[in-house]
Structures are given as structure tokens and as C-alpha cells.
PDB file of all heavy atoms in Angstrom:
ATOM      1  N   GLN A   1      -6.903  -6.484   9.114  1.00  0.00           N
ATOM      2  CA  GLN A   1      -5.444  -6.438   9.250  1.00  0.00           C
ATOM      3  C   GLN A   1      -4.763  -6.841   7.940  1.00  0.00           C
ATOM      4  O   GLN A   1      -3.738  -6.263   7.571  1.00  0.00           O
ATOM      5  CB  GLN A   1      -4.982  -7.350  10.387  1.00  0.00           C
ATOM      6  CG  GLN A   1      -5.301  -6.810  11.752  1.00  0.00           C
ATOM      7  CD  GLN A   1      -4.839  -7.748  12.858  1.00  0.00           C
ATOM      8  OE1 GLN A   1      -4.430  -8.883  12.629  1.00  0.00           O
ATOM      9  NE2 GLN A   1      -4.921  -7.257  14.088  1.00  0.00           N
ATOM     10  N   ILE A   2      -5.324  -7.821   7.257  1.00  0.00           N
ATOM     11  CA  ILE A   2      -4.766  -8.235   5.965  1.00  0.00           C
ATOM     12  C   ILE A   2      -4.858  -7.081   4.978  1.00  0.00           C
ATOM     13  O   ILE A   2      -3.883  -6.771   4.277  1.00  0.00           O
ATOM     14  CB  ILE A   2      -5.484  -9.492   5.427  1.00  0.00           C
ATOM     15  CG1 ILE A   2      -5.199 -10.694   6.327  1.00  0.00           C
ATOM     16  CG2 ILE A   2      -5.068  -9.785   3.992  1.00  0.00           C
ATOM     17  CD1 ILE A   2      -6.028 -11.931   6.010  1.00  0.00           C
ATOM     18  N   ALA A   3      -5.998  -6.409   4.922  1.00  0.00           N
ATOM     19  CA  ALA A   3      -6.173  -5.270   4.013  1.00  0.00           C
ATOM     20  C   ALA A   3      -5.168  -4.163   4.323  1.00  0.00           C
ATOM     21  O   ALA A   3      -4.540  -3.608   3.406  1.00  0.00           O
ATOM     22  CB  ALA A   3      -7.603  -4.744   4.108  1.00  0.00           C
ATOM     23  N   ARG A   4      -4.998  -3.843   5.617  1.00  0.00           N
ATOM     24  CA  ARG A   4      -4.013  -2.812   6.000  1.00  0.00           C
ATOM     25  C   ARG A   4      -2.602  -3.236   5.615  1.00  0.00           C
ATOM     26  O   ARG A   4      -1.812  -2.435   5.109  1.00  0.00           O
ATOM     27  CB  ARG A   4      -4.081  -2.524   7.496  1.00  0.00           C
ATOM     28  CG  ARG A   4      -5.178  -1.544   7.870  1.00  0.00           C
ATOM     29  CD  ARG A   4      -5.080  -1.066   9.309  1.00  0.00           C
ATOM     30  NE  ARG A   4      -5.179  -2.121  10.301  1.00  0.00           N
ATOM     31  CZ  ARG A   4      -6.319  -2.720  10.656  1.00  0.00           C
ATOM     32  NH1 ARG A   4      -7.453  -2.391  10.084  1.00  0.00           N
ATOM     33  NH2 ARG A   4      -6.316  -3.670  11.578  1.00  0.00           N
ATOM     34  N   PHE A   5      -2.264  -4.506   5.862  1.00  0.00           N
ATOM     35  CA  PHE A   5      -0.942  -5.034   5.518  1.00  0.00           C
ATOM     36  C   PHE A   5      -0.702  -4.877   4.012  1.00  0.00           C
ATOM     37  O   PHE A   5       0.341  -4.375   3.591  1.00  0.00           O
ATOM     38  CB  PHE A   5      -0.871  -6.515   5.922  1.00  0.00           C
ATOM     39  CG  PHE A   5       0.456  -7.166   5.661  1.00  0.00           C
ATOM     40  CD1 PHE A   5       1.373  -7.339   6.684  1.00  0.00           C
ATOM     41  CD2 PHE A   5       0.790  -7.649   4.395  1.00  0.00           C
ATOM     42  CE1 PHE A   5       2.598  -7.962   6.449  1.00  0.00           C
ATOM     43  CE2 PHE A   5       2.007  -8.267   4.154  1.00  0.00           C
ATOM     44  CZ  PHE A   5       2.913  -8.417   5.187  1.00  0.00           C
ATOM     45  N   PHE A   6      -1.664  -5.301   3.190  1.00  0.00           N
ATOM     46  CA  PHE A   6      -1.519  -5.194   1.734  1.00  0.00           C
ATOM     47  C   PHE A   6      -1.400  -3.734   1.304  1.00  0.00           C
ATOM     48  O   PHE A   6      -0.576  -3.406   0.450  1.00  0.00           O
ATOM     49  CB  PHE A   6      -2.696  -5.870   1.024  1.00  0.00           C
ATOM     50  CG  PHE A   6      -2.530  -7.356   0.827  1.00  0.00           C
ATOM     51  CD1 PHE A   6      -1.920  -8.170   1.770  1.00  0.00           C
ATOM     52  CD2 PHE A   6      -3.004  -7.961  -0.319  1.00  0.00           C
ATOM     53  CE1 PHE A   6      -1.771  -9.530   1.580  1.00  0.00           C
ATOM     54  CE2 PHE A   6      -2.860  -9.333  -0.524  1.00  0.00           C
ATOM     55  CZ  PHE A   6      -2.247 -10.112   0.425  1.00  0.00           C
ATOM     56  N   ASP A   7      -2.227  -2.857   1.888  1.00  0.00           N
ATOM     57  CA  ASP A   7      -2.168  -1.435   1.536  1.00  0.00           C
ATOM     58  C   ASP A   7      -0.814  -0.837   1.891  1.00  0.00           C
ATOM     59  O   ASP A   7      -0.204  -0.128   1.084  1.00  0.00           O
ATOM     60  CB  ASP A   7      -3.283  -0.651   2.235  1.00  0.00           C
ATOM     61  CG  ASP A   7      -4.665  -0.967   1.681  1.00  0.00           C
ATOM     62  OD1 ASP A   7      -4.764  -1.567   0.573  1.00  0.00           O
ATOM     63  OD2 ASP A   7      -5.657  -0.645   2.371  1.00  0.00           O
ATOM     64  N   GLN A   8      -0.316  -1.119   3.097  1.00  0.00           N
ATOM     65  CA  GLN A   8       0.977  -0.588   3.534  1.00  0.00           C
ATOM     66  C   GLN A   8       2.128  -1.129   2.688  1.00  0.00           C
ATOM     67  O   GLN A   8       3.097  -0.422   2.430  1.00  0.00           O
ATOM     68  CB  GLN A   8       1.219  -0.917   5.006  1.00  0.00           C
ATOM     69  CG  GLN A   8       0.324  -0.163   5.948  1.00  0.00           C
ATOM     70  CD  GLN A   8       0.423  -0.665   7.384  1.00  0.00           C
ATOM     71  OE1 GLN A   8       1.092  -1.648   7.681  1.00  0.00           O
ATOM     72  NE2 GLN A   8      -0.282   0.010   8.278  1.00  0.00           N
ATOM     73  N   ALA A   9       2.020  -2.379   2.254  1.00  0.00           N
ATOM     74  CA  ALA A   9       3.082  -2.998   1.455  1.00  0.00           C
ATOM     75  C   ALA A   9       2.933  -2.689  -0.038  1.00  0.00           C
ATOM     76  O   ALA A   9       3.799  -3.054  -0.827  1.00  0.00           O
ATOM     77  CB  ALA A   9       3.090  -4.511   1.684  1.00  0.00           C
ATOM     78  N   GLY A  10       1.840  -2.061  -0.438  1.00  0.00           N
ATOM     79  CA  GLY A  10       1.619  -1.746  -1.845  1.00  0.00           C
ATOM     80  C   GLY A  10       1.246  -2.963  -2.683  1.00  0.00           C
ATOM     81  O   GLY A  10       1.502  -3.002  -3.879  1.00  0.00           O
ATOM     82  N   VAL A  11       0.632  -3.953  -2.062  1.00  0.00           N
ATOM     83  CA  VAL A  11       0.249  -5.188  -2.752  1.00  0.00           C
ATOM     84  C   VAL A  11      -1.071  -4.961  -3.480  1.00  0.00           C
ATOM     85  O   VAL A  11      -2.076  -4.599  -2.861  1.00  0.00           O
ATOM     86  CB  VAL A  11       0.129  -6.359  -1.750  1.00  0.00           C
ATOM     87  CG1 VAL A  11      -0.418  -7.601  -2.417  1.00  0.00           C
ATOM     88  CG2 VAL A  11       1.486  -6.628  -1.114  1.00  0.00           C
ATOM     89  N   THR A  12      -1.060  -5.160  -4.799  1.00  0.00           N
ATOM     90  CA  THR A  12      -2.265  -4.927  -5.602  1.00  0.00           C
ATOM     91  C   THR A  12      -2.663  -6.115  -6.482  1.00  0.00           C
ATOM     92  O   THR A  12      -3.768  -6.120  -7.016  1.00  0.00           O
ATOM     93  CB  THR A  12      -2.068  -3.704  -6.520  1.00  0.00           C
ATOM     94  OG1 THR A  12      -0.944  -3.947  -7.375  1.00  0.00           O
ATOM     95  CG2 THR A  12      -1.842  -2.430  -5.705  1.00  0.00           C
ATOM     96  N   HIS A  13      -1.796  -7.105  -6.654  1.00  0.00           N
ATOM     97  CA  HIS A  13      -2.067  -8.213  -7.570  1.00  0.00           C
ATOM     98  C   HIS A  13      -2.469  -9.517  -6.891  1.00  0.00           C
ATOM     99  O   HIS A  13      -2.820 -10.471  -7.573  1.00  0.00           O
ATOM    100  CB  HIS A  13      -0.830  -8.487  -8.436  1.00  0.00           C
ATOM    101  CG  HIS A  13      -0.437  -7.337  -9.292  1.00  0.00           C
ATOM    102  ND1 HIS A  13       0.617  -6.510  -8.974  1.00  0.00           N
ATOM    103  CD2 HIS A  13      -0.967  -6.855 -10.431  1.00  0.00           C
ATOM    104  CE1 HIS A  13       0.731  -5.579  -9.896  1.00  0.00           C
ATOM    105  NE2 HIS A  13      -0.226  -5.762 -10.795  1.00  0.00           N
ATOM    106  N   LEU A  14      -2.398  -9.583  -5.576  1.00  0.00           N
ATOM    107  CA  LEU A  14      -2.630 -10.848  -4.877  1.00  0.00           C
ATOM    108  C   LEU A  14      -4.008 -10.890  -4.219  1.00  0.00           C
ATOM    109  O   LEU A  14      -4.465  -9.886  -3.682  1.00  0.00           O
ATOM    110  CB  LEU A  14      -1.552 -11.061  -3.796  1.00  0.00           C
ATOM    111  CG  LEU A  14      -0.125 -11.190  -4.310  1.00  0.00           C
ATOM    112  CD1 LEU A  14       0.851 -11.200  -3.138  1.00  0.00           C
ATOM    113  CD2 LEU A  14       0.025 -12.446  -5.151  1.00  0.00           C
ATOM    114  N   PRO A  15      -4.638 -12.085  -4.234  1.00  0.00           N
ATOM    115  CA  PRO A  15      -5.908 -12.223  -3.517  1.00  0.00           C
ATOM    116  C   PRO A  15      -5.665 -12.251  -2.012  1.00  0.00           C
ATOM    117  O   PRO A  15      -4.557 -12.528  -1.558  1.00  0.00           O
ATOM    118  CB  PRO A  15      -6.438 -13.574  -4.015  1.00  0.00           C
ATOM    119  CG  PRO A  15      -5.218 -14.331  -4.409  1.00  0.00           C
ATOM    120  CD  PRO A  15      -4.221 -13.315  -4.896  1.00  0.00           C
ATOM    121  N   ARG A  16      -6.698 -11.970  -1.253  1.00  0.00           N
ATOM    122  CA  ARG A  16      -6.587 -11.923   0.212  1.00  0.00           C
ATOM    123  C   ARG A  16      -7.199 -13.173   0.831  1.00  0.00           C
ATOM    124  O   ARG A  16      -8.277 -13.146   1.403  1.00  0.00           O
ATOM    125  CB  ARG A  16      -7.257 -10.661   0.745  1.00  0.00           C
ATOM    126  CG  ARG A  16      -6.538  -9.416   0.259  1.00  0.00           C
ATOM    127  CD  ARG A  16      -7.206  -8.157   0.726  1.00  0.00           C
ATOM    128  NE  ARG A  16      -6.438  -7.022   0.214  1.00  0.00           N
ATOM    129  CZ  ARG A  16      -6.838  -5.790   0.292  1.00  0.00           C
ATOM    130  NH1 ARG A  16      -7.983  -5.488   0.868  1.00  0.00           N
ATOM    131  NH2 ARG A  16      -6.088  -4.825  -0.191  1.00  0.00           N
ATOM    132  N   TYR A  17      -6.462 -14.267   0.725  1.00  0.00           N
ATOM    133  CA  TYR A  17      -6.916 -15.535   1.299  1.00  0.00           C
ATOM    134  C   TYR A  17      -6.431 -15.665   2.737  1.00  0.00           C
ATOM    135  O   TYR A  17      -5.381 -15.126   3.101  1.00  0.00           O
ATOM    136  CB  TYR A  17      -6.366 -16.714   0.499  1.00  0.00           C
ATOM    137  CG  TYR A  17      -6.906 -16.831  -0.904  1.00  0.00           C
ATOM    138  CD1 TYR A  17      -6.037 -16.981  -1.977  1.00  0.00           C
ATOM    139  CD2 TYR A  17      -8.272 -16.831  -1.167  1.00  0.00           C
ATOM    140  CE1 TYR A  17      -6.520 -17.115  -3.268  1.00  0.00           C
ATOM    141  CE2 TYR A  17      -8.758 -16.964  -2.452  1.00  0.00           C
ATOM    142  CZ  TYR A  17      -7.881 -17.107  -3.503  1.00  0.00           C
ATOM    143  OH  TYR A  17      -8.352 -17.239  -4.784  1.00  0.00           O
ATOM    144  N   GLN A  18      -7.189 -16.417   3.528  1.00  0.00           N
ATOM    145  CA  GLN A  18      -6.766 -16.684   4.897  1.00  0.00           C
ATOM    146  C   GLN A  18      -7.194 -18.088   5.318  1.00  0.00           C
ATOM    147  O   GLN A  18      -8.122 -18.668   4.763  1.00  0.00           O
ATOM    148  CB  GLN A  18      -7.302 -15.642   5.867  1.00  0.00           C
ATOM    149  CG  GLN A  18      -8.794 -15.700   6.102  1.00  0.00           C
ATOM    150  CD  GLN A  18      -9.262 -14.582   7.009  1.00  0.00           C
ATOM    151  OE1 GLN A  18      -9.961 -13.710   6.536  1.00  0.00           O
ATOM    152  NE2 GLN A  18      -8.895 -14.608   8.266  1.00  0.00           N
ATOM    153  N   ASP A  19      -6.442 -18.612   6.272  1.00  0.00           N
ATOM    154  CA  ASP A  19      -6.695 -19.934   6.846  1.00  0.00           C
ATOM    155  C   ASP A  19      -6.608 -19.773   8.356  1.00  0.00           C
ATOM    156  O   ASP A  19      -5.598 -20.103   8.971  1.00  0.00           O
ATOM    157  CB  ASP A  19      -5.657 -20.932   6.321  1.00  0.00           C
ATOM    158  CG  ASP A  19      -5.765 -22.314   6.947  1.00  0.00           C
ATOM    159  OD1 ASP A  19      -6.865 -22.684   7.403  1.00  0.00           O
ATOM    160  OD2 ASP A  19      -4.746 -23.018   6.977  1.00  0.00           O
ATOM    161  N   GLU A  20      -7.669 -19.214   8.926  1.00  0.00           N
ATOM    162  CA  GLU A  20      -7.650 -18.916  10.355  1.00  0.00           C
ATOM    163  C   GLU A  20      -7.447 -20.169  11.204  1.00  0.00           C
ATOM    164  O   GLU A  20      -6.762 -20.148  12.212  1.00  0.00           O
ATOM    165  CB  GLU A  20      -8.933 -18.204  10.770  1.00  0.00           C
ATOM    166  CG  GLU A  20      -8.866 -17.661  12.171  1.00  0.00           C
ATOM    167  CD  GLU A  20     -10.023 -16.734  12.505  1.00  0.00           C
ATOM    168  OE1 GLU A  20     -10.794 -16.359  11.613  1.00  0.00           O
ATOM    169  OE2 GLU A  20     -10.130 -16.393  13.686  1.00  0.00           O
ATOM    170  N   SER A  21      -8.011 -21.283  10.774  1.00  0.00           N
ATOM    171  CA  SER A  21      -7.891 -22.532  11.536  1.00  0.00           C
ATOM    172  C   SER A  21      -6.537 -23.207  11.341  1.00  0.00           C
ATOM    173  O   SER A  21      -6.210 -24.148  12.044  1.00  0.00           O
ATOM    174  CB  SER A  21      -8.990 -23.512  11.111  1.00  0.00           C
ATOM    175  OG  SER A  21      -8.775 -23.921   9.765  1.00  0.00           O
ATOM    176  N   GLN A  22      -5.774 -22.754  10.390  1.00  0.00           N
ATOM    177  CA  GLN A  22      -4.459 -23.304  10.031  1.00  0.00           C
ATOM    178  C   GLN A  22      -4.539 -24.756   9.562  1.00  0.00           C
ATOM    179  O   GLN A  22      -3.551 -25.484   9.612  1.00  0.00           O
ATOM    180  CB  GLN A  22      -3.472 -23.172  11.195  1.00  0.00           C
ATOM    181  CG  GLN A  22      -3.183 -21.749  11.564  1.00  0.00           C
ATOM    182  CD  GLN A  22      -2.215 -21.635  12.710  1.00  0.00           C
ATOM    183  OE1 GLN A  22      -2.334 -22.310  13.725  1.00  0.00           O
ATOM    184  NE2 GLN A  22      -1.237 -20.756  12.551  1.00  0.00           N
ATOM    185  N   ARG A  23      -5.699 -25.180   9.071  1.00  0.00           N
ATOM    186  CA  ARG A  23      -5.852 -26.565   8.619  1.00  0.00           C
ATOM    187  C   ARG A  23      -4.946 -26.878   7.437  1.00  0.00           C
ATOM    188  O   ARG A  23      -4.279 -27.897   7.426  1.00  0.00           O
ATOM    189  CB  ARG A  23      -7.308 -26.846   8.243  1.00  0.00           C
ATOM    190  CG  ARG A  23      -8.200 -27.015   9.450  1.00  0.00           C
ATOM    191  CD  ARG A  23      -9.612 -27.357   9.087  1.00  0.00           C
ATOM    192  NE  ARG A  23      -9.658 -28.646   8.408  1.00  0.00           N
ATOM    193  CZ  ARG A  23     -10.633 -29.007   7.585  1.00  0.00           C
ATOM    194  NH1 ARG A  23     -11.630 -28.200   7.333  1.00  0.00           N
ATOM    195  NH2 ARG A  23     -10.601 -30.187   7.011  1.00  0.00           N
ATOM    196  N   ILE A  24      -4.923 -25.997   6.446  1.00  0.00           N
ATOM    197  CA  ILE A  24      -4.098 -26.286   5.270  1.00  0.00           C
ATOM    198  C   ILE A  24      -2.616 -26.173   5.625  1.00  0.00           C
ATOM    199  O   ILE A  24      -1.804 -26.977   5.179  1.00  0.00           O
ATOM    200  CB  ILE A  24      -4.485 -25.430   4.045  1.00  0.00           C
ATOM    201  CG1 ILE A  24      -3.757 -25.954   2.789  1.00  0.00           C
ATOM    202  CG2 ILE A  24      -4.235 -23.966   4.267  1.00  0.00           C
ATOM    203  CD1 ILE A  24      -4.273 -25.399   1.490  1.00  0.00           C
ATOM    204  N   ALA A  25      -2.255 -25.212   6.456  1.00  0.00           N
ATOM    205  CA  ALA A  25      -0.854 -25.070   6.872  1.00  0.00           C
ATOM    206  C   ALA A  25      -0.390 -26.322   7.618  1.00  0.00           C
ATOM    207  O   ALA A  25       0.666 -26.881   7.321  1.00  0.00           O
ATOM    208  CB  ALA A  25      -0.677 -23.824   7.735  1.00  0.00           C
ATOM    209  N   ARG A  26      -1.188 -26.776   8.581  1.00  0.00           N
ATOM    210  CA  ARG A  26      -0.828 -27.998   9.311  1.00  0.00           C
ATOM    211  C   ARG A  26      -0.824 -29.208   8.384  1.00  0.00           C
ATOM    212  O   ARG A  26       0.050 -30.075   8.490  1.00  0.00           O
ATOM    213  CB  ARG A  26      -1.787 -28.216  10.481  1.00  0.00           C
ATOM    214  CG  ARG A  26      -1.506 -27.328  11.664  1.00  0.00           C
ATOM    215  CD  ARG A  26      -2.261 -27.775  12.915  1.00  0.00           C
ATOM    216  NE  ARG A  26      -3.664 -28.057  12.690  1.00  0.00           N
ATOM    217  CZ  ARG A  26      -4.665 -27.198  12.875  1.00  0.00           C
ATOM    218  NH1 ARG A  26      -4.399 -25.980  13.293  1.00  0.00           N
ATOM    219  NH2 ARG A  26      -5.913 -27.546  12.665  1.00  0.00           N
TER     220      ARG A  26
END
């Protein structure tokens, strides 16, 4: 989903990081 989102938005310079557990966000 992240890859599709980046492709649809034309994002080419950003890494595809994720925090599924939301530990860093919390």
C-alpha cells in the first residue's frame, strides 16, 4: 500500500519507512 501510495502521488525522493506498532509515534 505504501508503494502504491508513493507511485500514485509521484513520490520518488523519500524512503519507505513504517512503524506498524506505532511505538515511535506514541
